[in-house]
PDB file of N, CA and C in Angstrom:
ATOM      1  N   MET A   1     266.146  91.323 122.501  1.00  0.00           N
ATOM      2  CA  MET A   1     266.384  90.410 123.189  1.00  0.00           C
ATOM      3  C   MET A   1     266.678  88.665 122.883  1.00  0.00           C
ATOM      4  N   ASN A   2     266.807  88.203 123.310  1.00  0.00           N
ATOM      5  CA  ASN A   2     268.066  87.127 122.649  1.00  0.00           C
ATOM      6  C   ASN A   2     267.189  85.482 123.788  1.00  0.00           C
ATOM      7  N   ASN A   3     266.782  85.136 122.310  1.00  0.00           N
ATOM      8  CA  ASN A   3     266.696  83.480 122.593  1.00  0.00           C
ATOM      9  C   ASN A   3     266.522  82.798 122.489  1.00  0.00           C
ATOM     10  N   SER A   4     267.254  81.933 123.811  1.00  0.00           N
ATOM     11  CA  SER A   4     267.983  80.795 123.158  1.00  0.00           C
ATOM     12  C   SER A   4     266.871  79.168 123.173  1.00  0.00           C
ATOM     13  N   PHE A   5     266.009  79.536 123.456  1.00  0.00           N
ATOM     14  CA  PHE A   5     264.798  78.289 122.483  1.00  0.00           C
ATOM     15  C   PHE A   5     264.475  78.195 121.475  1.00  0.00           C
ATOM     16  N   GLY A   6     264.062  77.562 120.490  1.00  0.00           N
ATOM     17  CA  GLY A   6     263.120  77.454 119.256  1.00  0.00           C
ATOM     18  C   GLY A   6     261.968  77.518 119.624  1.00  0.00           C
ATOM     19  N   PRO A   7     261.481  77.129 118.120  1.00  0.00           N
ATOM     20  CA  PRO A   7     260.118  75.670 118.291  1.00  0.00           C
ATOM     21  C   PRO A   7     259.749  75.024 118.748  1.00  0.00           C
ATOM     22  N   ARG A   8     261.443  73.925 118.777  1.00  0.00           N
ATOM     23  CA  ARG A   8     261.184  72.164 119.332  1.00  0.00           C
ATOM     24  C   ARG A   8     261.468  72.585 120.054  1.00  0.00           C
ATOM     25  N   ASN A   9     262.346  73.299 121.238  1.00  0.00           N
ATOM     26  CA  ASN A   9     262.519  73.034 122.398  1.00  0.00           C
ATOM     27  C   ASN A   9     260.577  73.428 123.261  1.00  0.00           C
ATOM     28  N   TYR A  10     260.091  74.834 122.560  1.00  0.00           N
ATOM     29  CA  TYR A  10     258.527  74.288 123.556  1.00  0.00           C
ATOM     30  C   TYR A  10     258.034  73.935 123.073  1.00  0.00           C
ATOM     31  N   MET A  11     258.435  73.347 122.739  1.00  0.00           N
ATOM     32  CA  MET A  11     256.753  72.020 121.616  1.00  0.00           C
ATOM     33  C   MET A  11     257.317  70.644 122.567  1.00  0.00           C
ATOM     34  N   VAL A  12     258.461  70.689 122.939  1.00  0.00           N
ATOM     35  CA  VAL A  12     259.211  69.073 123.998  1.00  0.00           C
ATOM     36  C   VAL A  12     257.935  69.485 125.091  1.00  0.00           C
ATOM     37  N   VAL A  13     258.531  70.730 125.492  1.00  0.00           N
ATOM     38  CA  VAL A  13     257.901  71.074 127.021  1.00  0.00           C
ATOM     39  C   VAL A  13     256.868  70.964 127.136  1.00  0.00           C
ATOM     40  N   ALA A  14     256.166  71.435 126.739  1.00  0.00           N
ATOM     41  CA  ALA A  14     254.675  71.195 126.207  1.00  0.00           C
ATOM     42  C   ALA A  14     254.520  70.226 125.521  1.00  0.00           C
ATOM     43  N   LEU A  15     254.551  68.991 125.319  1.00  0.00           N
ATOM     44  CA  LEU A  15     254.909  67.522 125.435  1.00  0.00           C
ATOM     45  C   LEU A  15     254.826  67.159 127.133  1.00  0.00           C
ATOM     46  N   GLY A  16     255.853  67.669 126.976  1.00  0.00           N
ATOM     47  CA  GLY A  16     255.787  66.732 128.731  1.00  0.00           C
ATOM     48  C   GLY A  16     255.521  67.838 129.318  1.00  0.00           C
ATOM     49  N   ALA A  17     254.204  68.513 129.579  1.00  0.00           N
ATOM     50  CA  ALA A  17     253.595  68.776 130.643  1.00  0.00           C
ATOM     51  C   ALA A  17     251.881  68.472 129.810  1.00  0.00           C
ATOM     52  N   VAL A  18     251.454  68.301 128.877  1.00  0.00           N
ATOM     53  CA  VAL A  18     250.886  67.215 128.269  1.00  0.00           C
ATOM     54  C   VAL A  18     250.382  66.301 128.872  1.00  0.00           C
ATOM     55  N   ILE A  19     251.767  65.169 129.302  1.00  0.00           N
ATOM     56  CA  ILE A  19     251.945  63.691 129.553  1.00  0.00           C
ATOM     57  C   ILE A  19     251.652  63.679 130.692  1.00  0.00           C
ATOM     58  N   GLY A  20     252.684  64.883 131.326  1.00  0.00           N
ATOM     59  CA  GLY A  20     252.302  65.059 133.116  1.00  0.00           C
ATOM     60  C   GLY A  20     251.182  65.257 134.085  1.00  0.00           C
ATOM     61  N   PHE A  21     249.720  66.046 132.987  1.00  0.00           N
ATOM     62  CA  PHE A  21     248.692  66.052 133.421  1.00  0.00           C
ATOM     63  C   PHE A  21     248.584  64.806 133.046  1.00  0.00           C
ATOM     64  N   PHE A  22     248.786  64.304 132.053  1.00  0.00           N
ATOM     65  CA  PHE A  22     247.162  63.044 131.068  1.00  0.00           C
ATOM     66  C   PHE A  22     247.668  62.148 133.188  1.00  0.00           C
ATOM     67  N   GLY A  23     248.765  62.296 133.310  1.00  0.00           N
ATOM     68  CA  GLY A  23     249.570  61.379 134.579  1.00  0.00           C
ATOM     69  C   GLY A  23     248.901  61.083 135.998  1.00  0.00           C
ATOM     70  N   LEU A  24     248.840  62.852 135.586  1.00  0.00           N
ATOM     71  CA  LEU A  24     247.365  62.574 137.022  1.00  0.00           C
ATOM     72  C   LEU A  24     246.228  62.318 137.006  1.00  0.00           C
ATOM     73  N   TYR A  25     245.388  62.723 135.166  1.00  0.00           N
ATOM     74  CA  TYR A  25     244.354  62.850 135.145  1.00  0.00           C
ATOM     75  C   TYR A  25     244.876  60.702 135.281  1.00  0.00           C
ATOM     76  N   LEU A  26     245.557  60.218 135.047  1.00  0.00           N
ATOM     77  CA  LEU A  26     244.914  58.723 136.143  1.00  0.00           C
ATOM     78  C   LEU A  26     245.210  58.285 136.912  1.00  0.00           C
ATOM     79  N   LEU A  27     246.110  59.316 138.004  1.00  0.00           N
ATOM     80  CA  LEU A  27     245.917  59.181 139.305  1.00  0.00           C
ATOM     81  C   LEU A  27     244.706  59.686 139.528  1.00  0.00           C
ATOM     82  N   SER A  28     243.455  59.868 139.177  1.00  0.00           N
ATOM     83  CA  SER A  28     242.215  60.449 139.374  1.00  0.00           C
ATOM     84  C   SER A  28     240.791  59.171 138.979  1.00  0.00           C
ATOM     85  N   LEU A  29     242.219  58.538 138.514  1.00  0.00           N
ATOM     86  CA  LEU A  29     240.080  57.527 138.018  1.00  0.00           C
ATOM     87  C   LEU A  29     240.202  56.841 138.825  1.00  0.00           C
ATOM     88  N   ALA A  30     238.638  56.648 139.548  1.00  0.00           N
ATOM     89  CA  ALA A  30     238.112  55.597 140.333  1.00  0.00           C
ATOM     90  C   ALA A  30     238.280  53.782 139.983  1.00  0.00           C
ATOM     91  N   PRO A  31     238.395  53.311 140.875  1.00  0.00           N
ATOM     92  CA  PRO A  31     238.200  53.525 141.973  1.00  0.00           C
ATOM     93  C   PRO A  31     239.529  53.718 142.098  1.00  0.00           C
ATOM     94  N   VAL A  32     239.444  53.933 144.129  1.00  0.00           N
ATOM     95  CA  VAL A  32     241.031  53.736 144.568  1.00  0.00           C
ATOM     96  C   VAL A  32     242.410  53.036 143.751  1.00  0.00           C
ATOM     97  N   ASP A  33     241.820  51.513 144.298  1.00  0.00           N
ATOM     98  CA  ASP A  33     242.245  50.500 144.000  1.00  0.00           C
ATOM     99  C   ASP A  33     242.594  50.001 142.753  1.00  0.00           C
ATOM    100  N   ASN A  34     242.719  50.822 141.750  1.00  0.00           N
ATOM    101  CA  ASN A  34     242.377  51.046 140.384  1.00  0.00           C
ATOM    102  C   ASN A  34     243.887  50.481 139.917  1.00  0.00           C
ATOM    103  N   PRO A  35     244.376  49.036 139.207  1.00  0.00           N
ATOM    104  CA  PRO A  35     246.049  49.087 138.606  1.00  0.00           C
ATOM    105  C   PRO A  35     246.354  50.100 137.751  1.00  0.00           C
ATOM    106  N   ILE A  36     245.888  51.032 137.160  1.00  0.00           N
ATOM    107  CA  ILE A  36     246.243  52.252 136.064  1.00  0.00           C
ATOM    108  C   ILE A  36     246.524  53.451 137.138  1.00  0.00           C
ATOM    109  N   SER A  37     245.579  53.505 137.987  1.00  0.00           N
ATOM    110  CA  SER A  37     246.384  54.616 139.474  1.00  0.00           C
ATOM    111  C   SER A  37     247.254  54.503 140.292  1.00  0.00           C
ATOM    112  N   LEU A  38     247.408  52.670 140.144  1.00  0.00           N
ATOM    113  CA  LEU A  38     248.644  52.633 141.807  1.00  0.00           C
ATOM    114  C   LEU A  38     249.623  52.854 140.548  1.00  0.00           C
ATOM    115  N   ASN A  39     249.270  51.578 138.836  1.00  0.00           N
ATOM    116  CA  ASN A  39     250.982  51.326 138.614  1.00  0.00           C
ATOM    117  C   ASN A  39     251.559  52.158 137.608  1.00  0.00           C
ATOM    118  N   VAL A  40     250.552  52.360 136.604  1.00  0.00           N
ATOM    119  CA  VAL A  40     250.451  53.123 135.321  1.00  0.00           C
ATOM    120  C   VAL A  40     250.930  54.319 135.868  1.00  0.00           C
ATOM    121  N   ALA A  41     249.957  55.860 136.296  1.00  0.00           N
ATOM    122  CA  ALA A  41     249.833  56.958 136.585  1.00  0.00           C
ATOM    123  C   ALA A  41     251.187  57.785 137.483  1.00  0.00           C
ATOM    124  N   PRO A  42     251.256  56.939 137.992  1.00  0.00           N
ATOM    125  CA  PRO A  42     252.874  57.451 138.966  1.00  0.00           C
ATOM    126  C   PRO A  42     254.706  57.236 137.293  1.00  0.00           C
ATOM    127  N   PHE A  43     254.207  56.635 136.535  1.00  0.00           N
ATOM    128  CA  PHE A  43     255.712  55.803 136.254  1.00  0.00           C
ATOM    129  C   PHE A  43     255.383  57.353 134.940  1.00  0.00           C
ATOM    130  N   VAL A  44     253.477  57.394 134.310  1.00  0.00           N
ATOM    131  CA  VAL A  44     253.597  58.432 133.461  1.00  0.00           C
ATOM    132  C   VAL A  44     253.545  59.738 134.166  1.00  0.00           C
ATOM    133  N   VAL A  45     253.428  60.086 134.884  1.00  0.00           N
ATOM    134  CA  VAL A  45     253.781  61.478 135.507  1.00  0.00           C
ATOM    135  C   VAL A  45     255.248  61.650 135.507  1.00  0.00           C
ATOM    136  N   LEU A  46     255.806  60.249 135.604  1.00  0.00           N
ATOM    137  CA  LEU A  46     257.077  60.787 136.395  1.00  0.00           C
ATOM    138  C   LEU A  46     258.570  60.922 134.668  1.00  0.00           C
ATOM    139  N   LEU A  47     257.582  60.531 133.385  1.00  0.00           N
ATOM    140  CA  LEU A  47     257.854  60.623 132.247  1.00  0.00           C
ATOM    141  C   LEU A  47     258.364  61.838 131.961  1.00  0.00           C
ATOM    142  N   GLY A  48     256.818  62.469 131.443  1.00  0.00           N
ATOM    143  CA  GLY A  48     256.514  63.772 130.986  1.00  0.00           C
ATOM    144  C   GLY A  48     257.373  64.641 132.440  1.00  0.00           C
ATOM    145  N   TYR A  49     258.079  64.762 133.352  1.00  0.00           N
ATOM    146  CA  TYR A  49     258.630  65.941 133.947  1.00  0.00           C
ATOM    147  C   TYR A  49     259.578  65.564 134.548  1.00  0.00           C
ATOM    148  N   LEU A  50     259.771  64.432 134.415  1.00  0.00           N
ATOM    149  CA  LEU A  50     261.383  64.329 134.748  1.00  0.00           C
ATOM    150  C   LEU A  50     262.010  64.316 133.610  1.00  0.00           C
ATOM    151  N   VAL A  51     261.474  63.446 132.955  1.00  0.00           N
ATOM    152  CA  VAL A  51     262.244  62.860 131.718  1.00  0.00           C
ATOM    153  C   VAL A  51     262.088  64.155 130.005  1.00  0.00           C
ATOM    154  N   VAL A  52     260.536  63.847 129.214  1.00  0.00           N
ATOM    155  CA  VAL A  52     260.173  65.573 128.354  1.00  0.00           C
ATOM    156  C   VAL A  52     260.666  65.987 128.759  1.00  0.00           C
ATOM    157  N   MET A  53     259.918  66.948 130.190  1.00  0.00           N
ATOM    158  CA  MET A  53     260.901  68.321 130.032  1.00  0.00           C
ATOM    159  C   MET A  53     261.414  68.959 129.683  1.00  0.00           C
ATOM    160  N   PRO A  54     262.681  68.398 131.250  1.00  0.00           N
ATOM    161  CA  PRO A  54     264.148  67.819 130.891  1.00  0.00           C
ATOM    162  C   PRO A  54     264.653  68.391 129.586  1.00  0.00           C
ATOM    163  N   ALA A  55     264.114  67.469 128.396  1.00  0.00           N
ATOM    164  CA  ALA A  55     264.898  66.786 127.542  1.00  0.00           C
ATOM    165  C   ALA A  55     264.610  68.493 126.211  1.00  0.00           C
ATOM    166  N   GLY A  56     263.099  69.105 127.268  1.00  0.00           N
ATOM    167  CA  GLY A  56     263.038  69.535 126.048  1.00  0.00           C
ATOM    168  C   GLY A  56     263.566  71.426 126.551  1.00  0.00           C
ATOM    169  N   PHE A  57     264.528  71.268 127.863  1.00  0.00           N
ATOM    170  CA  PHE A  57     265.697  72.539 128.399  1.00  0.00           C
ATOM    171  C   PHE A  57     266.227  71.828 127.154  1.00  0.00           C
ATOM    172  N   LEU A  58     267.565  70.869 127.510  1.00  0.00           N
ATOM    173  CA  LEU A  58     268.873  70.633 126.794  1.00  0.00           C
ATOM    174  C   LEU A  58     268.925  70.558 125.451  1.00  0.00           C
ATOM    175  N   ILE A  59     268.193  70.199 124.836  1.00  0.00           N
ATOM    176  CA  ILE A  59     267.734  69.649 123.436  1.00  0.00           C
ATOM    177  C   ILE A  59     268.499  71.267 122.522  1.00  0.00           C
ATOM    178  N   PRO A  60     268.991  71.651 121.375  1.00  0.00           N
ATOM    179  CA  PRO A  60     270.164  72.237 121.205  1.00  0.00           C
ATOM    180  C   PRO A  60     268.430  72.802 120.461  1.00  0.00           C
ATOM    181  N   SER A  61     268.667  74.430 119.841  1.00  0.00           N
ATOM    182  CA  SER A  61     266.999  74.961 119.850  1.00  0.00           C
ATOM    183  C   SER A  61     267.620  74.813 118.063  1.00  0.00           C
ATOM    184  N   GLY A  62     268.666  74.811 117.846  1.00  0.00           N
ATOM    185  CA  GLY A  62     269.589  75.314 116.095  1.00  0.00           C
ATOM    186  C   GLY A  62     268.950  76.808 115.789  1.00  0.00           C
ATOM    187  N   VAL A  63     268.396  77.680 117.420  1.00  0.00           N
ATOM    188  CA  VAL A  63     268.566  79.312 116.797  1.00  0.00           C
ATOM    189  C   VAL A  63     269.746  79.371 117.135  1.00  0.00           C
ATOM    190  N   SER A  64     270.581  79.938 116.490  1.00  0.00           N
ATOM    191  CA  SER A  64     272.483  80.657 116.381  1.00  0.00           C
ATOM    192  C   SER A  64     271.925  82.128 117.593  1.00  0.00           C
ATOM    193  N   GLY A  65     272.135  81.456 118.356  1.00  0.00           N
ATOM    194  CA  GLY A  65     272.457  83.582 119.434  1.00  0.00           C
ATOM    195  C   GLY A  65     273.160  85.016 118.726  1.00  0.00           C
ATOM    196  N   THR A  66     273.872  84.431 119.684  1.00  0.00           N
ATOM    197  CA  THR A  66     274.605  85.837 119.088  1.00  0.00           C
ATOM    198  C   THR A  66     276.405  84.547 118.955  1.00  0.00           C
ATOM    199  N   SER A  67     276.137  85.030 116.658  1.00  0.00           N
ATOM    200  CA  SER A  67     277.351  84.715 115.985  1.00  0.00           C
ATOM    201  C   SER A  67     278.122  85.386 116.097  1.00  0.00           C
ATOM    202  N   VAL A  68     279.209  84.768 116.572  1.00  0.00           N
ATOM    203  CA  VAL A  68     280.297  86.707 115.902  1.00  0.00           C
ATOM    204  C   VAL A  68     281.509  85.254 115.198  1.00  0.00           C
ATOM    205  N   LYS A  69     281.811  86.121 114.066  1.00  0.00           N
ATOM    206  CA  LYS A  69     282.976  85.246 112.936  1.00  0.00           C
ATOM    207  C   LYS A  69     284.294  85.129 113.259  1.00  0.00           C
ATOM    208  N   GLU A  70     285.539  84.629 113.393  1.00  0.00           N
ATOM    209  CA  GLU A  70     286.059  84.949 113.989  1.00  0.00           C
ATOM    210  C   GLU A  70     287.008  85.826 112.643  1.00  0.00           C
ATOM    211  N   SER A  71     287.419  86.634 112.520  1.00  0.00           N
ATOM    212  CA  SER A  71     288.164  87.079 111.434  1.00  0.00           C
ATOM    213  C   SER A  71     289.301  87.129 111.286  1.00  0.00           C
ATOM    214  N   PRO A  72     290.075  85.632 109.543  1.00  0.00           N
ATOM    215  CA  PRO A  72     291.337  85.606 109.582  1.00  0.00           C
ATOM    216  C   PRO A  72     292.530  86.667 109.497  1.00  0.00           C
ATOM    217  N   VAL A  73     291.574  88.167 110.328  1.00  0.00           N
ATOM    218  CA  VAL A  73     292.897  88.598 109.719  1.00  0.00           C
ATOM    219  C   VAL A  73     292.785  89.840 110.827  1.00  0.00           C
ATOM    220  N   ALA A  74     293.913  89.182 111.674  1.00  0.00           N
ATOM    221  CA  ALA A  74     294.751  89.746 113.748  1.00  0.00           C
ATOM    222  C   ALA A  74     293.819  91.503 113.208  1.00  0.00           C
ATOM    223  N   PRO A  75     293.771  91.895 114.288  1.00  0.00           N
ATOM    224  CA  PRO A  75     293.130  92.727 114.888  1.00  0.00           C
ATOM    225  C   PRO A  75     294.163  94.170 113.734  1.00  0.00           C
ATOM    226  N   GLY A  76     294.404  95.403 113.757  1.00  0.00           N
ATOM    227  CA  GLY A  76     295.047  96.196 113.527  1.00  0.00           C
ATOM    228  C   GLY A  76     296.318  95.477 111.989  1.00  0.00           C
ATOM    229  N   GLN A  77     296.105  94.501 111.501  1.00  0.00           N
ATOM    230  CA  GLN A  77     296.353  93.499 110.383  1.00  0.00           C
ATOM    231  C   GLN A  77     295.920  94.937 108.668  1.00  0.00           C
ATOM    232  N   LYS A  78     296.880  94.986 107.835  1.00  0.00           N
ATOM    233  CA  LYS A  78     295.613  95.290 107.189  1.00  0.00           C
ATOM    234  C   LYS A  78     296.112  94.245 106.177  1.00  0.00           C
ATOM    235  N   LEU A  79     294.336  94.481 105.208  1.00  0.00           N
ATOM    236  CA  LEU A  79     294.375  93.308 104.155  1.00  0.00           C
ATOM    237  C   LEU A  79     294.782  93.222 103.251  1.00  0.00           C
TER     238      LEU A  79
END
């Protein structure tokens, strides 16, 4: 089975998940009116889940899928 993701893609997606979970942790900090949980944490969550993780899906993997080289000779033509 052909896998179009490379190791770099998996690392970027995992980094996005870690950033998103860290943002969720920041949201859970007490007290409720904590400036970090009110102002910083939502942007950290958005950064992880809406910027970094999709970047992991969109960056080129560097792994070639099915590479079919074109022959300089036309089909049916002899060398």
